[in-house]
Amino acid sequence: METIKKEKQFDAVKMMRDIRNKISAETQNMTFEELKAYIQQQLADNQTKLIGR
């Protein structure tokens, strides 16, 4: 049986890894308070609502 390989137009796993690596690089030396402020700022910038609110 022969396997047919398709090229992906969009690789969700690669995108998630790239995003995670970018966030890790930006936050690697932050204190807990700085990290909380970073998260709040990112949520505000993207107008994202927390789940349940």
N, C-alpha and C. Protein backbone atom coordinates (compact mmCIF):
# COMPACT_ATOMS: atom_id res chain seq x y z
N MET A 1 0.84 -1.18 0.00
CA MET A 1 0.00 0.00 0.00
C MET A 1 0.89 1.25 0.00
N GLU A 2 0.58 2.17 -0.85
CA GLU A 2 1.38 3.36 -1.01
C GLU A 2 0.77 4.52 -0.23
N THR A 3 1.61 5.27 0.47
CA THR A 3 1.15 6.43 1.23
C THR A 3 1.22 7.67 0.36
N ILE A 4 0.13 8.42 0.38
CA ILE A 4 0.08 9.66 -0.39
C ILE A 4 0.39 10.81 0.58
N LYS A 5 1.40 11.58 0.25
CA LYS A 5 1.78 12.70 1.10
C LYS A 5 1.30 13.99 0.47
N LYS A 6 0.60 14.80 1.27
CA LYS A 6 0.15 16.10 0.83
C LYS A 6 0.97 17.17 1.54
N GLU A 7 1.24 18.25 0.86
CA GLU A 7 1.90 19.36 1.51
C GLU A 7 0.86 20.19 2.21
N LYS A 8 1.18 20.55 3.44
CA LYS A 8 0.25 21.35 4.24
C LYS A 8 0.29 22.80 3.78
N GLN A 9 -0.89 23.40 3.73
CA GLN A 9 -0.96 24.82 3.44
C GLN A 9 -0.81 25.61 4.75
N PHE A 10 -1.24 24.99 5.85
CA PHE A 10 -1.19 25.64 7.15
C PHE A 10 -0.78 24.60 8.17
N ASP A 11 0.27 24.89 8.94
CA ASP A 11 0.77 23.96 9.94
C ASP A 11 0.49 24.54 11.32
N ALA A 12 -0.58 24.07 11.96
CA ALA A 12 -1.00 24.59 13.26
C ALA A 12 0.02 24.31 14.35
N VAL A 13 0.67 23.16 14.31
CA VAL A 13 1.66 22.82 15.32
C VAL A 13 2.86 23.78 15.23
N LYS A 14 3.32 24.06 14.03
CA LYS A 14 4.44 25.00 13.85
C LYS A 14 4.05 26.39 14.34
N MET A 15 2.83 26.83 14.01
CA MET A 15 2.36 28.14 14.45
C MET A 15 2.34 28.22 15.97
N MET A 16 1.82 27.17 16.64
CA MET A 16 1.74 27.17 18.09
C MET A 16 3.13 27.20 18.71
N ARG A 17 4.06 26.45 18.16
CA ARG A 17 5.44 26.44 18.67
C ARG A 17 6.10 27.81 18.49
N ASP A 18 5.88 28.44 17.35
CA ASP A 18 6.45 29.76 17.10
C ASP A 18 5.90 30.79 18.09
N ILE A 19 4.60 30.75 18.33
CA ILE A 19 3.97 31.68 19.29
C ILE A 19 4.51 31.43 20.68
N ARG A 20 4.58 30.17 21.08
CA ARG A 20 5.07 29.82 22.42
C ARG A 20 6.52 30.26 22.60
N ASN A 21 7.35 30.07 21.58
CA ASN A 21 8.74 30.48 21.67
C ASN A 21 8.88 32.00 21.77
N LYS A 22 8.05 32.73 21.04
CA LYS A 22 8.08 34.19 21.10
C LYS A 22 7.69 34.69 22.49
N ILE A 23 6.62 34.14 23.05
CA ILE A 23 6.18 34.53 24.39
C ILE A 23 7.23 34.17 25.43
N SER A 24 7.81 32.99 25.32
CA SER A 24 8.85 32.56 26.27
C SER A 24 10.05 33.51 26.23
N ALA A 25 10.45 33.92 25.04
CA ALA A 25 11.58 34.84 24.91
C ALA A 25 11.27 36.20 25.52
N GLU A 26 10.03 36.66 25.35
CA GLU A 26 9.63 37.98 25.87
C GLU A 26 9.50 37.97 27.39
N THR A 27 9.18 36.84 27.98
CA THR A 27 8.86 36.79 29.41
C THR A 27 9.88 36.03 30.26
N GLN A 28 10.99 35.61 29.68
CA GLN A 28 11.89 34.70 30.38
C GLN A 28 12.48 35.24 31.68
N ASN A 29 12.72 36.52 31.79
CA ASN A 29 13.34 37.07 33.00
C ASN A 29 12.38 37.92 33.83
N MET A 30 11.08 37.76 33.62
CA MET A 30 10.11 38.58 34.33
C MET A 30 9.77 37.99 35.69
N THR A 31 9.49 38.89 36.62
CA THR A 31 8.98 38.45 37.91
C THR A 31 7.51 38.10 37.74
N PHE A 32 6.92 37.52 38.78
CA PHE A 32 5.52 37.16 38.72
C PHE A 32 4.64 38.39 38.49
N GLU A 33 4.96 39.48 39.16
CA GLU A 33 4.18 40.72 38.99
C GLU A 33 4.32 41.26 37.57
N GLU A 34 5.53 41.23 37.03
CA GLU A 34 5.74 41.68 35.64
C GLU A 34 5.00 40.79 34.66
N LEU A 35 4.98 39.49 34.93
CA LEU A 35 4.27 38.56 34.06
C LEU A 35 2.77 38.82 34.08
N LYS A 36 2.22 39.07 35.26
CA LYS A 36 0.79 39.39 35.35
C LYS A 36 0.47 40.66 34.55
N ALA A 37 1.33 41.68 34.68
CA ALA A 37 1.12 42.92 33.94
C ALA A 37 1.23 42.68 32.43
N TYR A 38 2.19 41.85 32.02
CA TYR A 38 2.36 41.51 30.61
C TYR A 38 1.09 40.85 30.06
N ILE A 39 0.56 39.89 30.80
CA ILE A 39 -0.64 39.18 30.36
C ILE A 39 -1.82 40.15 30.26
N GLN A 40 -1.99 40.99 31.27
CA GLN A 40 -3.09 41.97 31.23
C GLN A 40 -2.95 42.91 30.04
N GLN A 41 -1.73 43.33 29.75
CA GLN A 41 -1.49 44.23 28.62
C GLN A 41 -1.81 43.53 27.29
N GLN A 42 -1.40 42.29 27.16
CA GLN A 42 -1.67 41.54 25.93
C GLN A 42 -3.18 41.35 25.74
N LEU A 43 -3.89 41.06 26.82
CA LEU A 43 -5.34 40.90 26.73
C LEU A 43 -6.00 42.21 26.32
N ALA A 44 -5.54 43.31 26.88
CA ALA A 44 -6.11 44.63 26.56
C ALA A 44 -5.80 45.01 25.10
N ASP A 45 -4.56 44.76 24.68
CA ASP A 45 -4.17 45.12 23.31
C ASP A 45 -4.98 44.34 22.28
N ASN A 46 -5.29 43.10 22.58
CA ASN A 46 -6.01 42.25 21.63
C ASN A 46 -7.51 42.24 21.88
N GLN A 47 -7.95 43.02 22.85
CA GLN A 47 -9.35 43.09 23.23
C GLN A 47 -9.94 41.70 23.46
N THR A 48 -9.18 40.89 24.17
CA THR A 48 -9.59 39.52 24.47
C THR A 48 -10.29 39.48 25.82
N LYS A 49 -11.40 38.79 25.88
CA LYS A 49 -12.12 38.62 27.13
C LYS A 49 -11.73 37.30 27.76
N LEU A 50 -11.57 37.30 29.08
CA LEU A 50 -11.28 36.08 29.79
C LEU A 50 -12.52 35.19 29.78
N ILE A 51 -12.32 33.91 29.77
CA ILE A 51 -13.44 32.97 29.78
C ILE A 51 -14.20 33.12 31.09
N GLY A 52 -15.51 33.21 31.03
CA GLY A 52 -16.33 33.31 32.21
C GLY A 52 -16.60 34.74 32.64
N ARG A 53 -16.09 35.69 31.87
CA ARG A 53 -16.33 37.10 32.23
C ARG A 53 -17.12 37.79 31.17
